[in-house]
Amino acid sequence: MAQKRKLRITPKFIVLLTVLCVVFACALYLSQEQKLKEIAEKEAALRQEYQALQNEEQRLEYMIEYAKSEEYLIQYAREKLGFVLPDDVRFDIED
């Protein structure tokens, strides 16, 4: 009959198990730090893009408001349609 081997926990085994746990924990920590760094870089890029889009939105809102103004209508009529105000002098230059 085969004898059953008793499982003994020796100090070497405890040290080895502790070292393995510490190495695993360090590897996990470094992996998480790298991921956090990548996420922070991506967040910074997205914040910069968001700020640029907000600036563009403000510019477009200003342009919309300006397009609704009487000043813009007068400027458009003069430049594109060739209209003049009653007190203005119109010069026709033909090549």
PDB file of N, CA and C in Angstrom:
ATOM      1  N   MET A   1       0.829  -1.158   0.000  1.00  0.00           N
ATOM      2  CA  MET A   1       0.000   0.000   0.000  1.00  0.00           C
ATOM      3  C   MET A   1       0.893   1.248   0.000  1.00  0.00           C
ATOM      4  N   ALA A   2       0.533   2.213  -0.828  1.00  0.00           N
ATOM      5  CA  ALA A   2       1.339   3.423  -0.958  1.00  0.00           C
ATOM      6  C   ALA A   2       1.091   4.330   0.239  1.00  0.00           C
ATOM      7  N   GLN A   3       2.153   4.875   0.691  1.00  0.00           N
ATOM      8  CA  GLN A   3       2.017   5.772   1.826  1.00  0.00           C
ATOM      9  C   GLN A   3       1.608   7.162   1.338  1.00  0.00           C
ATOM     10  N   LYS A   4       0.748   7.778   2.083  1.00  0.00           N
ATOM     11  CA  LYS A   4       0.340   9.143   1.757  1.00  0.00           C
ATOM     12  C   LYS A   4       1.421  10.093   2.247  1.00  0.00           C
ATOM     13  N   ARG A   5       1.749  11.000   1.368  1.00  0.00           N
ATOM     14  CA  ARG A   5       2.756  11.984   1.720  1.00  0.00           C
ATOM     15  C   ARG A   5       2.083  13.135   2.442  1.00  0.00           C
ATOM     16  N   LYS A   6       2.617  13.529   3.530  1.00  0.00           N
ATOM     17  CA  LYS A   6       2.067  14.636   4.289  1.00  0.00           C
ATOM     18  C   LYS A   6       2.533  15.949   3.671  1.00  0.00           C
ATOM     19  N   LEU A   7       1.615  16.856   3.522  1.00  0.00           N
ATOM     20  CA  LEU A   7       1.947  18.163   2.979  1.00  0.00           C
ATOM     21  C   LEU A   7       2.485  19.015   4.117  1.00  0.00           C
ATOM     22  N   ARG A   8       3.715  19.440   3.939  1.00  0.00           N
ATOM     23  CA  ARG A   8       4.337  20.261   4.964  1.00  0.00           C
ATOM     24  C   ARG A   8       4.542  21.668   4.418  1.00  0.00           C
ATOM     25  N   ILE A   9       4.242  22.613   5.248  1.00  0.00           N
ATOM     26  CA  ILE A   9       4.486  23.999   4.870  1.00  0.00           C
ATOM     27  C   ILE A   9       5.773  24.418   5.562  1.00  0.00           C
ATOM     28  N   THR A  10       6.783  24.594   4.729  1.00  0.00           N
ATOM     29  CA  THR A  10       8.104  24.931   5.263  1.00  0.00           C
ATOM     30  C   THR A  10       8.319  26.445   5.174  1.00  0.00           C
ATOM     31  N   PRO A  11       9.264  26.967   5.883  1.00  0.00           N
ATOM     32  CA  PRO A  11       9.568  28.402   5.801  1.00  0.00           C
ATOM     33  C   PRO A  11       9.962  28.830   4.376  1.00  0.00           C
ATOM     34  N   LYS A  12      10.649  27.946   3.647  1.00  0.00           N
ATOM     35  CA  LYS A  12      11.015  28.263   2.258  1.00  0.00           C
ATOM     36  C   LYS A  12       9.766  28.478   1.407  1.00  0.00           C
ATOM     37  N   PHE A  13       8.772  27.630   1.615  1.00  0.00           N
ATOM     38  CA  PHE A  13       7.525  27.732   0.853  1.00  0.00           C
ATOM     39  C   PHE A  13       6.813  29.043   1.173  1.00  0.00           C
ATOM     40  N   ILE A  14       6.790  29.426   2.417  1.00  0.00           N
ATOM     41  CA  ILE A  14       6.132  30.667   2.829  1.00  0.00           C
ATOM     42  C   ILE A  14       6.849  31.872   2.203  1.00  0.00           C
ATOM     43  N   VAL A  15       8.177  31.863   2.234  1.00  0.00           N
ATOM     44  CA  VAL A  15       8.953  32.956   1.640  1.00  0.00           C
ATOM     45  C   VAL A  15       8.704  33.019   0.132  1.00  0.00           C
ATOM     46  N   LEU A  16       8.718  31.873  -0.524  1.00  0.00           N
ATOM     47  CA  LEU A  16       8.487  31.820  -1.971  1.00  0.00           C
ATOM     48  C   LEU A  16       7.092  32.335  -2.310  1.00  0.00           C
ATOM     49  N   LEU A  17       6.106  31.922  -1.560  1.00  0.00           N
ATOM     50  CA  LEU A  17       4.740  32.370  -1.783  1.00  0.00           C
ATOM     51  C   LEU A  17       4.612  33.879  -1.550  1.00  0.00           C
ATOM     52  N   THR A  18       5.265  34.385  -0.532  1.00  0.00           N
ATOM     53  CA  THR A  18       5.243  35.818  -0.247  1.00  0.00           C
ATOM     54  C   THR A  18       5.911  36.603  -1.370  1.00  0.00           C
ATOM     55  N   VAL A  19       7.053  36.128  -1.830  1.00  0.00           N
ATOM     56  CA  VAL A  19       7.762  36.808  -2.927  1.00  0.00           C
ATOM     57  C   VAL A  19       6.905  36.814  -4.187  1.00  0.00           C
ATOM     58  N   LEU A  20       6.269  35.698  -4.493  1.00  0.00           N
ATOM     59  CA  LEU A  20       5.410  35.635  -5.672  1.00  0.00           C
ATOM     60  C   LEU A  20       4.237  36.607  -5.554  1.00  0.00           C
ATOM     61  N   CYS A  21       3.654  36.697  -4.380  1.00  0.00           N
ATOM     62  CA  CYS A  21       2.546  37.633  -4.166  1.00  0.00           C
ATOM     63  C   CYS A  21       3.008  39.082  -4.326  1.00  0.00           C
ATOM     64  N   VAL A  22       4.172  39.408  -3.813  1.00  0.00           N
ATOM     65  CA  VAL A  22       4.704  40.770  -3.923  1.00  0.00           C
ATOM     66  C   VAL A  22       5.011  41.099  -5.379  1.00  0.00           C
ATOM     67  N   VAL A  23       5.603  40.177  -6.109  1.00  0.00           N
ATOM     68  CA  VAL A  23       5.910  40.394  -7.527  1.00  0.00           C
ATOM     69  C   VAL A  23       4.618  40.592  -8.314  1.00  0.00           C
ATOM     70  N   PHE A  24       3.627  39.768  -8.052  1.00  0.00           N
ATOM     71  CA  PHE A  24       2.343  39.906  -8.741  1.00  0.00           C
ATOM     72  C   PHE A  24       1.694  41.255  -8.431  1.00  0.00           C
ATOM     73  N   ALA A  25       1.738  41.655  -7.156  1.00  0.00           N
ATOM     74  CA  ALA A  25       1.153  42.940  -6.764  1.00  0.00           C
ATOM     75  C   ALA A  25       1.886  44.107  -7.427  1.00  0.00           C
ATOM     76  N   CYS A  26       3.214  44.037  -7.504  1.00  0.00           N
ATOM     77  CA  CYS A  26       3.997  45.093  -8.164  1.00  0.00           C
ATOM     78  C   CYS A  26       3.682  45.156  -9.651  1.00  0.00           C
ATOM     79  N   ALA A  27       3.598  44.011 -10.298  1.00  0.00           N
ATOM     80  CA  ALA A  27       3.285  43.982 -11.728  1.00  0.00           C
ATOM     81  C   ALA A  27       1.891  44.569 -11.973  1.00  0.00           C
ATOM     82  N   LEU A  28       0.949  44.218 -11.140  1.00  0.00           N
ATOM     83  CA  LEU A  28      -0.406  44.753 -11.260  1.00  0.00           C
ATOM     84  C   LEU A  28      -0.427  46.259 -11.036  1.00  0.00           C
ATOM     85  N   TYR A  29       0.310  46.727 -10.052  1.00  0.00           N
ATOM     86  CA  TYR A  29       0.391  48.154  -9.763  1.00  0.00           C
ATOM     87  C   TYR A  29       0.982  48.920 -10.941  1.00  0.00           C
ATOM     88  N   LEU A  30       2.081  48.436 -11.490  1.00  0.00           N
ATOM     89  CA  LEU A  30       2.714  49.110 -12.626  1.00  0.00           C
ATOM     90  C   LEU A  30       1.803  49.118 -13.847  1.00  0.00           C
ATOM     91  N   SER A  31       1.087  48.033 -14.054  1.00  0.00           N
ATOM     92  CA  SER A  31       0.144  47.958 -15.169  1.00  0.00           C
ATOM     93  C   SER A  31      -0.961  48.992 -15.012  1.00  0.00           C
ATOM     94  N   GLN A  32      -1.490  49.119 -13.811  1.00  0.00           N
ATOM     95  CA  GLN A  32      -2.552  50.083 -13.552  1.00  0.00           C
ATOM     96  C   GLN A  32      -2.044  51.520 -13.672  1.00  0.00           C
ATOM     97  N   GLU A  33      -0.826  51.769 -13.221  1.00  0.00           N
ATOM     98  CA  GLU A  33      -0.240  53.096 -13.354  1.00  0.00           C
ATOM     99  C   GLU A  33      -0.105  53.485 -14.826  1.00  0.00           C
ATOM    100  N   GLN A  34       0.325  52.550 -15.660  1.00  0.00           N
ATOM    101  CA  GLN A  34       0.458  52.812 -17.095  1.00  0.00           C
ATOM    102  C   GLN A  34      -0.902  53.127 -17.715  1.00  0.00           C
ATOM    103  N   LYS A  35      -1.916  52.367 -17.339  1.00  0.00           N
ATOM    104  CA  LYS A  35      -3.265  52.620 -17.862  1.00  0.00           C
ATOM    105  C   LYS A  35      -3.779  53.988 -17.413  1.00  0.00           C
ATOM    106  N   LEU A  36      -3.534  54.348 -16.157  1.00  0.00           N
ATOM    107  CA  LEU A  36      -3.961  55.653 -15.657  1.00  0.00           C
ATOM    108  C   LEU A  36      -3.256  56.782 -16.408  1.00  0.00           C
ATOM    109  N   LYS A  37      -1.991  56.593 -16.718  1.00  0.00           N
ATOM    110  CA  LYS A  37      -1.241  57.597 -17.466  1.00  0.00           C
ATOM    111  C   LYS A  37      -1.826  57.763 -18.864  1.00  0.00           C
ATOM    112  N   GLU A  38      -2.150  56.667 -19.526  1.00  0.00           N
ATOM    113  CA  GLU A  38      -2.754  56.728 -20.869  1.00  0.00           C
ATOM    114  C   GLU A  38      -4.112  57.415 -20.825  1.00  0.00           C
ATOM    115  N   ILE A  39      -4.895  57.102 -19.803  1.00  0.00           N
ATOM    116  CA  ILE A  39      -6.217  57.715 -19.661  1.00  0.00           C
ATOM    117  C   ILE A  39      -6.077  59.217 -19.412  1.00  0.00           C
ATOM    118  N   ALA A  40      -5.111  59.617 -18.603  1.00  0.00           N
ATOM    119  CA  ALA A  40      -4.899  61.039 -18.317  1.00  0.00           C
ATOM    120  C   ALA A  40      -4.477  61.783 -19.585  1.00  0.00           C
ATOM    121  N   GLU A  41      -3.630  61.170 -20.404  1.00  0.00           N
ATOM    122  CA  GLU A  41      -3.211  61.801 -21.657  1.00  0.00           C
ATOM    123  C   GLU A  41      -4.395  61.947 -22.609  1.00  0.00           C
ATOM    124  N   LYS A  42      -5.210  60.914 -22.679  1.00  0.00           N
ATOM    125  CA  LYS A  42      -6.383  60.969 -23.549  1.00  0.00           C
ATOM    126  C   LYS A  42      -7.363  62.035 -23.052  1.00  0.00           C
ATOM    127  N   GLU A  43      -7.528  62.119 -21.738  1.00  0.00           N
ATOM    128  CA  GLU A  43      -8.422  63.121 -21.168  1.00  0.00           C
ATOM    129  C   GLU A  43      -7.931  64.525 -21.503  1.00  0.00           C
ATOM    130  N   ALA A  44      -6.622  64.758 -21.405  1.00  0.00           N
ATOM    131  CA  ALA A  44      -6.068  66.074 -21.717  1.00  0.00           C
ATOM    132  C   ALA A  44      -6.311  66.426 -23.184  1.00  0.00           C
ATOM    133  N   ALA A  45      -6.132  65.457 -24.070  1.00  0.00           N
ATOM    134  CA  ALA A  45      -6.369  65.699 -25.495  1.00  0.00           C
ATOM    135  C   ALA A  45      -7.842  66.001 -25.752  1.00  0.00           C
ATOM    136  N   LEU A  46      -8.725  65.275 -25.099  1.00  0.00           N
ATOM    137  CA  LEU A  46     -10.161  65.502 -25.276  1.00  0.00           C
ATOM    138  C   LEU A  46     -10.582  66.856 -24.705  1.00  0.00           C
ATOM    139  N   ARG A  47      -9.998  67.251 -23.582  1.00  0.00           N
ATOM    140  CA  ARG A  47     -10.311  68.561 -23.017  1.00  0.00           C
ATOM    141  C   ARG A  47      -9.877  69.676 -23.973  1.00  0.00           C
ATOM    142  N   GLN A  48      -8.705  69.506 -24.574  1.00  0.00           N
ATOM    143  CA  GLN A  48      -8.219  70.502 -25.530  1.00  0.00           C
ATOM    144  C   GLN A  48      -9.141  70.572 -26.751  1.00  0.00           C
ATOM    145  N   GLU A  49      -9.555  69.426 -27.248  1.00  0.00           N
ATOM    146  CA  GLU A  49     -10.471  69.394 -28.386  1.00  0.00           C
ATOM    147  C   GLU A  49     -11.821  70.023 -28.013  1.00  0.00           C
ATOM    148  N   TYR A  50     -12.294  69.739 -26.808  1.00  0.00           N
ATOM    149  CA  TYR A  50     -13.557  70.305 -26.329  1.00  0.00           C
ATOM    150  C   TYR A  50     -13.470  71.829 -26.255  1.00  0.00           C
ATOM    151  N   GLN A  51     -12.338  72.338 -25.750  1.00  0.00           N
ATOM    152  CA  GLN A  51     -12.149  73.783 -25.662  1.00  0.00           C
ATOM    153  C   GLN A  51     -12.143  74.412 -27.049  1.00  0.00           C
ATOM    154  N   ALA A  52     -11.495  73.770 -28.008  1.00  0.00           N
ATOM    155  CA  ALA A  52     -11.469  74.284 -29.377  1.00  0.00           C
ATOM    156  C   ALA A  52     -12.884  74.301 -29.966  1.00  0.00           C
ATOM    157  N   LEU A  53     -13.653  73.267 -29.694  1.00  0.00           N
ATOM    158  CA  LEU A  53     -15.029  73.221 -30.195  1.00  0.00           C
ATOM    159  C   LEU A  53     -15.900  74.294 -29.540  1.00  0.00           C
ATOM    160  N   GLN A  54     -15.675  74.551 -28.260  1.00  0.00           N
ATOM    161  CA  GLN A  54     -16.423  75.610 -27.584  1.00  0.00           C
ATOM    162  C   GLN A  54     -16.091  76.971 -28.188  1.00  0.00           C
ATOM    163  N   ASN A  55     -14.810  77.198 -28.478  1.00  0.00           N
ATOM    164  CA  ASN A  55     -14.410  78.457 -29.103  1.00  0.00           C
ATOM    165  C   ASN A  55     -15.059  78.606 -30.471  1.00  0.00           C
ATOM    166  N   GLU A  56     -15.080  77.531 -31.243  1.00  0.00           N
ATOM    167  CA  GLU A  56     -15.708  77.562 -32.561  1.00  0.00           C
ATOM    168  C   GLU A  56     -17.206  77.836 -32.433  1.00  0.00           C
ATOM    169  N   GLU A  57     -17.840  77.235 -31.441  1.00  0.00           N
ATOM    170  CA  GLU A  57     -19.266  77.459 -31.220  1.00  0.00           C
ATOM    171  C   GLU A  57     -19.544  78.930 -30.891  1.00  0.00           C
ATOM    172  N   GLN A  58     -18.713  79.510 -30.036  1.00  0.00           N
ATOM    173  CA  GLN A  58     -18.884  80.925 -29.692  1.00  0.00           C
ATOM    174  C   GLN A  58     -18.710  81.808 -30.927  1.00  0.00           C
ATOM    175  N   ARG A  59     -17.719  81.483 -31.750  1.00  0.00           N
ATOM    176  CA  ARG A  59     -17.485  82.258 -32.964  1.00  0.00           C
ATOM    177  C   ARG A  59     -18.690  82.172 -33.894  1.00  0.00           C
ATOM    178  N   LEU A  60     -19.231  80.975 -34.055  1.00  0.00           N
ATOM    179  CA  LEU A  60     -20.386  80.800 -34.932  1.00  0.00           C
ATOM    180  C   LEU A  60     -21.630  81.500 -34.381  1.00  0.00           C
ATOM    181  N   GLU A  61     -21.818  81.457 -33.071  1.00  0.00           N
ATOM    182  CA  GLU A  61     -22.951  82.164 -32.471  1.00  0.00           C
ATOM    183  C   GLU A  61     -22.826  83.669 -32.698  1.00  0.00           C
ATOM    184  N   TYR A  62     -21.607  84.193 -32.587  1.00  0.00           N
ATOM    185  CA  TYR A  62     -21.378  85.607 -32.855  1.00  0.00           C
ATOM    186  C   TYR A  62     -21.700  85.929 -34.318  1.00  0.00           C
ATOM    187  N   MET A  63     -21.272  85.060 -35.226  1.00  0.00           N
ATOM    188  CA  MET A  63     -21.535  85.282 -36.647  1.00  0.00           C
ATOM    189  C   MET A  63     -23.033  85.252 -36.938  1.00  0.00           C
ATOM    190  N   ILE A  64     -23.752  84.373 -36.285  1.00  0.00           N
ATOM    191  CA  ILE A  64     -25.212  84.306 -36.473  1.00  0.00           C
ATOM    192  C   ILE A  64     -25.861  85.594 -35.988  1.00  0.00           C
ATOM    193  N   GLU A  65     -25.448  86.061 -34.815  1.00  0.00           N
ATOM    194  CA  GLU A  65     -26.001  87.306 -34.287  1.00  0.00           C
ATOM    195  C   GLU A  65     -25.643  88.484 -35.196  1.00  0.00           C
ATOM    196  N   TYR A  66     -24.408  88.499 -35.700  1.00  0.00           N
ATOM    197  CA  TYR A  66     -23.992  89.575 -36.591  1.00  0.00           C
ATOM    198  C   TYR A  66     -24.790  89.538 -37.892  1.00  0.00           C
ATOM    199  N   ALA A  67     -25.066  88.342 -38.394  1.00  0.00           N
ATOM    200  CA  ALA A  67     -25.831  88.212 -39.638  1.00  0.00           C
ATOM    201  C   ALA A  67     -27.261  88.721 -39.474  1.00  0.00           C
ATOM    202  N   LYS A  68     -27.764  88.739 -38.266  1.00  0.00           N
ATOM    203  CA  LYS A  68     -29.125  89.233 -38.011  1.00  0.00           C
ATOM    204  C   LYS A  68     -29.161  90.756 -37.844  1.00  0.00           C
ATOM    205  N   SER A  69     -28.006  91.386 -37.724  1.00  0.00           N
ATOM    206  CA  SER A  69     -27.969  92.818 -37.444  1.00  0.00           C
ATOM    207  C   SER A  69     -28.183  93.650 -38.712  1.00  0.00           C
ATOM    208  N   GLU A  70     -28.593  94.884 -38.506  1.00  0.00           N
ATOM    209  CA  GLU A  70     -28.818  95.803 -39.628  1.00  0.00           C
ATOM    210  C   GLU A  70     -27.485  96.189 -40.268  1.00  0.00           C
ATOM    211  N   GLU A  71     -26.454  96.270 -39.466  1.00  0.00           N
ATOM    212  CA  GLU A  71     -25.117  96.601 -39.975  1.00  0.00           C
ATOM    213  C   GLU A  71     -24.669  95.590 -41.029  1.00  0.00           C
ATOM    214  N   TYR A  72     -24.903  94.316 -40.758  1.00  0.00           N
ATOM    215  CA  TYR A  72     -24.519  93.278 -41.720  1.00  0.00           C
ATOM    216  C   TYR A  72     -25.358  93.386 -42.992  1.00  0.00           C
ATOM    217  N   LEU A  73     -26.648  93.652 -42.840  1.00  0.00           N
ATOM    218  CA  LEU A  73     -27.510  93.769 -44.022  1.00  0.00           C
ATOM    219  C   LEU A  73     -27.059  94.912 -44.928  1.00  0.00           C
ATOM    220  N   ILE A  74     -26.676  96.040 -44.327  1.00  0.00           N
ATOM    221  CA  ILE A  74     -26.183  97.169 -45.112  1.00  0.00           C
ATOM    222  C   ILE A  74     -24.876  96.797 -45.807  1.00  0.00           C
ATOM    223  N   GLN A  75     -23.974  96.167 -45.070  1.00  0.00           N
ATOM    224  CA  GLN A  75     -22.689  95.757 -45.648  1.00  0.00           C
ATOM    225  C   GLN A  75     -22.904  94.770 -46.791  1.00  0.00           C
ATOM    226  N   TYR A  76     -23.783  93.803 -46.601  1.00  0.00           N
ATOM    227  CA  TYR A  76     -24.064  92.813 -47.637  1.00  0.00           C
ATOM    228  C   TYR A  76     -24.670  93.477 -48.875  1.00  0.00           C
ATOM    229  N   ALA A  77     -25.614  94.388 -48.661  1.00  0.00           N
ATOM    230  CA  ALA A  77     -26.257  95.066 -49.784  1.00  0.00           C
ATOM    231  C   ALA A  77     -25.242  95.890 -50.564  1.00  0.00           C
ATOM    232  N   ARG A  78     -24.322  96.525 -49.901  1.00  0.00           N
ATOM    233  CA  ARG A  78     -23.307  97.318 -50.590  1.00  0.00           C
ATOM    234  C   ARG A  78     -22.312  96.440 -51.342  1.00  0.00           C
ATOM    235  N   GLU A  79     -21.794  95.401 -50.684  1.00  0.00           N
ATOM    236  CA  GLU A  79     -20.734  94.597 -51.286  1.00  0.00           C
ATOM    237  C   GLU A  79     -21.254  93.648 -52.359  1.00  0.00           C
ATOM    238  N   LYS A  80     -22.307  92.947 -52.083  1.00  0.00           N
ATOM    239  CA  LYS A  80     -22.775  91.888 -52.988  1.00  0.00           C
ATOM    240  C   LYS A  80     -23.799  92.381 -54.010  1.00  0.00           C
ATOM    241  N   LEU A  81     -24.663  93.284 -53.595  1.00  0.00           N
ATOM    242  CA  LEU A  81     -25.756  93.708 -54.472  1.00  0.00           C
ATOM    243  C   LEU A  81     -25.507  95.054 -55.146  1.00  0.00           C
ATOM    244  N   GLY A  82     -24.481  95.772 -54.692  1.00  0.00           N
ATOM    245  CA  GLY A  82     -24.139  97.042 -55.310  1.00  0.00           C
ATOM    246  C   GLY A  82     -25.050  98.189 -54.930  1.00  0.00           C
ATOM    247  N   PHE A  83     -25.773  98.080 -53.861  1.00  0.00           N
ATOM    248  CA  PHE A  83     -26.662  99.160 -53.431  1.00  0.00           C
ATOM    249  C   PHE A  83     -25.858 100.263 -52.757  1.00  0.00           C
ATOM    250  N   VAL A  84     -26.415 101.461 -52.769  1.00  0.00           N
ATOM    251  CA  VAL A  84     -25.792 102.583 -52.079  1.00  0.00           C
ATOM    252  C   VAL A  84     -26.859 103.294 -51.260  1.00  0.00           C
ATOM    253  N   LEU A  85     -26.425 103.992 -50.244  1.00  0.00           N
ATOM    254  CA  LEU A  85     -27.336 104.797 -49.440  1.00  0.00           C
ATOM    255  C   LEU A  85     -27.605 106.110 -50.169  1.00  0.00           C
ATOM    256  N   PRO A  86     -28.665 106.803 -49.813  1.00  0.00           N
ATOM    257  CA  PRO A  86     -29.003 108.037 -50.538  1.00  0.00           C
ATOM    258  C   PRO A  86     -27.883 109.083 -50.573  1.00  0.00           C
ATOM    259  N   ASP A  87     -27.079 109.203 -49.538  1.00  0.00           N
ATOM    260  CA  ASP A  87     -26.018 110.211 -49.505  1.00  0.00           C
ATOM    261  C   ASP A  87     -24.702 109.718 -50.093  1.00  0.00           C
ATOM    262  N   ASP A  88     -24.626 108.479 -50.516  1.00  0.00           N
ATOM    263  CA  ASP A  88     -23.390 107.909 -51.047  1.00  0.00           C
ATOM    264  C   ASP A  88     -23.231 108.239 -52.524  1.00  0.00           C
ATOM    265  N   VAL A  89     -21.973 108.234 -52.971  1.00  0.00           N
ATOM    266  CA  VAL A  89     -21.655 108.432 -54.385  1.00  0.00           C
ATOM    267  C   VAL A  89     -21.163 107.102 -54.926  1.00  0.00           C
ATOM    268  N   ARG A  90     -21.716 106.714 -56.045  1.00  0.00           N
ATOM    269  CA  ARG A  90     -21.357 105.420 -56.621  1.00  0.00           C
ATOM    270  C   ARG A  90     -20.425 105.647 -57.809  1.00  0.00           C
ATOM    271  N   PHE A  91     -19.347 104.897 -57.835  1.00  0.00           N
ATOM    272  CA  PHE A  91     -18.397 104.959 -58.940  1.00  0.00           C
ATOM    273  C   PHE A  91     -18.486 103.652 -59.698  1.00  0.00           C
ATOM    274  N   ASP A  92     -18.690 103.714 -60.976  1.00  0.00           N
ATOM    275  CA  ASP A  92     -18.667 102.524 -61.825  1.00  0.00           C
ATOM    276  C   ASP A  92     -17.351 102.516 -62.582  1.00  0.00           C
ATOM    277  N   ILE A  93     -16.551 101.524 -62.310  1.00  0.00           N
ATOM    278  CA  ILE A  93     -15.245 101.380 -62.966  1.00  0.00           C
ATOM    279  C   ILE A  93     -15.324 100.126 -63.821  1.00  0.00           C
ATOM    280  N   GLU A  94     -15.197 100.332 -65.121  1.00  0.00           N
ATOM    281  CA  GLU A  94     -15.234  99.206 -66.044  1.00  0.00           C
ATOM    282  C   GLU A  94     -13.878  99.050 -66.684  1.00  0.00           C
ATOM    283  N   ASP A  95     -13.442  97.837 -66.826  1.00  0.00           N
ATOM    284  CA  ASP A  95     -12.147  97.573 -67.452  1.00  0.00           C
ATOM    285  C   ASP A  95     -12.231  97.606 -68.942  1.00  0.00           C
TER     286      ASP A  95
END
